[in-house]
Amino acid sequence: MKLSARNQMRGTVSAIKEGAVEAQVTLDVNGQKITAVVTMDALAELGLAVGSPATAIIKADNVMLAVD
């Protein structure tokens, strides 16, 4: 698959928190955690499970930062 998104990070699924409609999937990318929210249908279709490899693809037109 070819994508225009350049921010692609390969990692391993380290946690999945399932809800009624959506799941929070945490990906470990070299010790950094990235969490994505996907539908339960997508979770099943992609075959995501703890320990499986996955790629985080980030395509955003803005990024917000905050400090206390």
N, C-alpha and C. Protein backbone atom coordinates (compact mmCIF):
# COMPACT_ATOMS: atom_id res chain seq x y z
N MET A 1 0.84 -1.17 0.00
CA MET A 1 0.00 0.00 0.00
C MET A 1 0.89 1.24 0.00
N LYS A 2 0.60 2.18 -0.87
CA LYS A 2 1.33 3.44 -0.90
C LYS A 2 0.44 4.53 -0.33
N LEU A 3 1.03 5.39 0.52
CA LEU A 3 0.28 6.49 1.14
C LEU A 3 1.05 7.78 0.98
N SER A 4 0.32 8.89 0.97
CA SER A 4 0.97 10.19 0.90
C SER A 4 1.47 10.64 2.28
N ALA A 5 0.91 10.06 3.33
CA ALA A 5 1.30 10.44 4.69
C ALA A 5 2.74 10.02 4.94
N ARG A 6 3.57 10.94 5.39
CA ARG A 6 4.98 10.66 5.62
C ARG A 6 5.26 10.27 7.08
N ASN A 7 4.35 10.57 7.96
CA ASN A 7 4.55 10.27 9.38
C ASN A 7 4.04 8.86 9.67
N GLN A 8 4.87 7.87 9.38
CA GLN A 8 4.52 6.48 9.60
C GLN A 8 5.50 5.88 10.59
N MET A 9 4.96 5.29 11.67
CA MET A 9 5.80 4.72 12.72
C MET A 9 5.39 3.28 12.98
N ARG A 10 6.32 2.36 12.80
CA ARG A 10 6.04 0.95 13.04
C ARG A 10 6.26 0.62 14.50
N GLY A 11 5.38 -0.22 15.02
CA GLY A 11 5.51 -0.61 16.42
C GLY A 11 4.75 -1.89 16.70
N THR A 12 4.53 -2.13 17.97
CA THR A 12 3.83 -3.32 18.43
C THR A 12 2.68 -2.91 19.33
N VAL A 13 1.53 -3.53 19.13
CA VAL A 13 0.37 -3.24 19.98
C VAL A 13 0.70 -3.68 21.40
N SER A 14 0.62 -2.73 22.34
CA SER A 14 0.96 -3.05 23.74
C SER A 14 -0.27 -3.11 24.64
N ALA A 15 -1.38 -2.53 24.22
CA ALA A 15 -2.60 -2.56 25.03
C ALA A 15 -3.81 -2.28 24.16
N ILE A 16 -4.93 -2.89 24.52
CA ILE A 16 -6.20 -2.62 23.86
C ILE A 16 -7.26 -2.49 24.95
N LYS A 17 -7.98 -1.38 24.92
CA LYS A 17 -9.07 -1.16 25.87
C LYS A 17 -10.35 -1.09 25.06
N GLU A 18 -11.14 -2.16 25.12
CA GLU A 18 -12.35 -2.26 24.32
C GLU A 18 -13.53 -1.58 25.00
N GLY A 19 -14.32 -0.88 24.18
CA GLY A 19 -15.57 -0.29 24.64
C GLY A 19 -16.72 -0.90 23.87
N ALA A 20 -17.89 -0.31 24.00
CA ALA A 20 -19.07 -0.84 23.30
C ALA A 20 -18.97 -0.62 21.79
N VAL A 21 -18.44 0.52 21.39
CA VAL A 21 -18.39 0.89 19.97
C VAL A 21 -16.97 1.09 19.47
N GLU A 22 -16.09 1.58 20.34
CA GLU A 22 -14.72 1.90 19.95
C GLU A 22 -13.73 1.21 20.88
N ALA A 23 -12.49 1.15 20.41
CA ALA A 23 -11.41 0.59 21.22
C ALA A 23 -10.23 1.56 21.20
N GLN A 24 -9.54 1.67 22.33
CA GLN A 24 -8.29 2.43 22.39
C GLN A 24 -7.16 1.43 22.20
N VAL A 25 -6.37 1.65 21.17
CA VAL A 25 -5.27 0.75 20.85
C VAL A 25 -3.97 1.51 21.09
N THR A 26 -3.11 0.98 21.95
CA THR A 26 -1.83 1.61 22.26
C THR A 26 -0.73 0.86 21.53
N LEU A 27 0.08 1.64 20.83
CA LEU A 27 1.19 1.10 20.06
C LEU A 27 2.49 1.53 20.71
N ASP A 28 3.39 0.59 20.92
CA ASP A 28 4.73 0.89 21.45
C ASP A 28 5.67 1.07 20.27
N VAL A 29 6.18 2.29 20.12
CA VAL A 29 7.11 2.61 19.04
C VAL A 29 8.45 2.98 19.68
N ASN A 30 9.34 2.02 19.77
CA ASN A 30 10.66 2.24 20.38
C ASN A 30 10.57 2.87 21.77
N GLY A 31 9.65 2.37 22.59
CA GLY A 31 9.50 2.87 23.95
C GLY A 31 8.54 4.03 24.09
N GLN A 32 8.12 4.63 23.01
CA GLN A 32 7.13 5.71 23.04
C GLN A 32 5.75 5.12 22.79
N LYS A 33 4.75 5.63 23.49
CA LYS A 33 3.39 5.11 23.36
C LYS A 33 2.56 6.05 22.49
N ILE A 34 1.85 5.47 21.53
CA ILE A 34 0.91 6.20 20.69
C ILE A 34 -0.42 5.49 20.84
N THR A 35 -1.48 6.25 21.12
CA THR A 35 -2.81 5.65 21.29
C THR A 35 -3.74 6.15 20.21
N ALA A 36 -4.44 5.23 19.60
CA ALA A 36 -5.42 5.55 18.57
C ALA A 36 -6.77 4.99 18.98
N VAL A 37 -7.83 5.67 18.58
CA VAL A 37 -9.18 5.19 18.82
C VAL A 37 -9.72 4.67 17.49
N VAL A 38 -10.13 3.41 17.48
CA VAL A 38 -10.67 2.78 16.28
C VAL A 38 -12.01 2.15 16.61
N THR A 39 -12.81 1.89 15.61
CA THR A 39 -14.07 1.21 15.85
C THR A 39 -13.81 -0.26 16.19
N MET A 40 -14.77 -0.87 16.85
CA MET A 40 -14.64 -2.29 17.16
C MET A 40 -14.60 -3.11 15.87
N ASP A 41 -15.32 -2.67 14.84
CA ASP A 41 -15.28 -3.36 13.54
C ASP A 41 -13.87 -3.31 12.97
N ALA A 42 -13.21 -2.13 13.03
CA ALA A 42 -11.85 -2.01 12.51
C ALA A 42 -10.88 -2.88 13.30
N LEU A 43 -11.06 -2.93 14.60
CA LEU A 43 -10.21 -3.76 15.45
C LEU A 43 -10.26 -5.21 14.98
N ALA A 44 -11.47 -5.70 14.72
CA ALA A 44 -11.64 -7.09 14.27
C ALA A 44 -11.11 -7.28 12.85
N GLU A 45 -11.43 -6.36 11.95
CA GLU A 45 -11.02 -6.49 10.56
C GLU A 45 -9.50 -6.46 10.40
N LEU A 46 -8.82 -5.64 11.21
CA LEU A 46 -7.37 -5.55 11.15
C LEU A 46 -6.68 -6.69 11.91
N GLY A 47 -7.44 -7.40 12.71
CA GLY A 47 -6.88 -8.51 13.49
C GLY A 47 -5.90 -8.03 14.55
N LEU A 48 -6.15 -6.83 15.10
CA LEU A 48 -5.25 -6.27 16.10
C LEU A 48 -5.37 -7.02 17.42
N ALA A 49 -4.23 -7.33 18.00
CA ALA A 49 -4.17 -7.99 19.31
C ALA A 49 -2.87 -7.56 19.96
N VAL A 50 -2.82 -7.65 21.28
CA VAL A 50 -1.59 -7.31 21.99
C VAL A 50 -0.47 -8.19 21.46
N GLY A 51 0.64 -7.54 21.10
CA GLY A 51 1.79 -8.25 20.56
C GLY A 51 1.87 -8.23 19.05
N SER A 52 0.79 -7.83 18.38
CA SER A 52 0.84 -7.82 16.92
C SER A 52 1.50 -6.55 16.40
N PRO A 53 2.18 -6.64 15.26
CA PRO A 53 2.80 -5.45 14.67
C PRO A 53 1.74 -4.57 14.02
N ALA A 54 1.97 -3.28 14.03
CA ALA A 54 1.06 -2.32 13.39
C ALA A 54 1.85 -1.06 13.07
N THR A 55 1.31 -0.25 12.20
CA THR A 55 1.94 1.01 11.83
C THR A 55 0.99 2.16 12.14
N ALA A 56 1.47 3.14 12.90
CA ALA A 56 0.71 4.36 13.15
C ALA A 56 0.98 5.31 12.00
N ILE A 57 -0.09 5.79 11.38
CA ILE A 57 0.03 6.73 10.27
C ILE A 57 -0.67 8.01 10.71
N ILE A 58 0.10 9.08 10.79
CA ILE A 58 -0.44 10.34 11.30
C ILE A 58 -0.51 11.35 10.17
N LYS A 59 -1.71 11.81 9.90
CA LYS A 59 -1.94 12.82 8.87
C LYS A 59 -2.81 13.89 9.51
N ALA A 60 -2.21 15.02 9.82
CA ALA A 60 -2.93 16.08 10.50
C ALA A 60 -2.55 17.42 9.90
N ASP A 61 -3.48 18.35 9.94
CA ASP A 61 -3.17 19.68 9.42
C ASP A 61 -2.79 20.65 10.53
N ASN A 62 -2.83 20.20 11.78
CA ASN A 62 -2.35 21.04 12.87
C ASN A 62 -1.98 20.19 14.08
N VAL A 63 -1.13 20.75 14.91
CA VAL A 63 -0.71 20.10 16.15
C VAL A 63 -0.78 21.15 17.25
N MET A 64 -1.38 20.78 18.38
CA MET A 64 -1.48 21.71 19.51
C MET A 64 -0.56 21.26 20.62
N LEU A 65 0.10 22.20 21.27
CA LEU A 65 0.95 21.94 22.42
C LEU A 65 0.44 22.75 23.59
N ALA A 66 0.67 22.24 24.78
CA ALA A 66 0.24 22.96 25.99
C ALA A 66 1.27 22.77 27.09
N VAL A 67 1.36 23.74 27.98
CA VAL A 67 2.19 23.64 29.17
C VAL A 67 1.39 24.17 30.35
N ASP A 68 1.76 23.75 31.55
CA ASP A 68 1.10 24.25 32.76
C ASP A 68 1.82 25.47 33.26
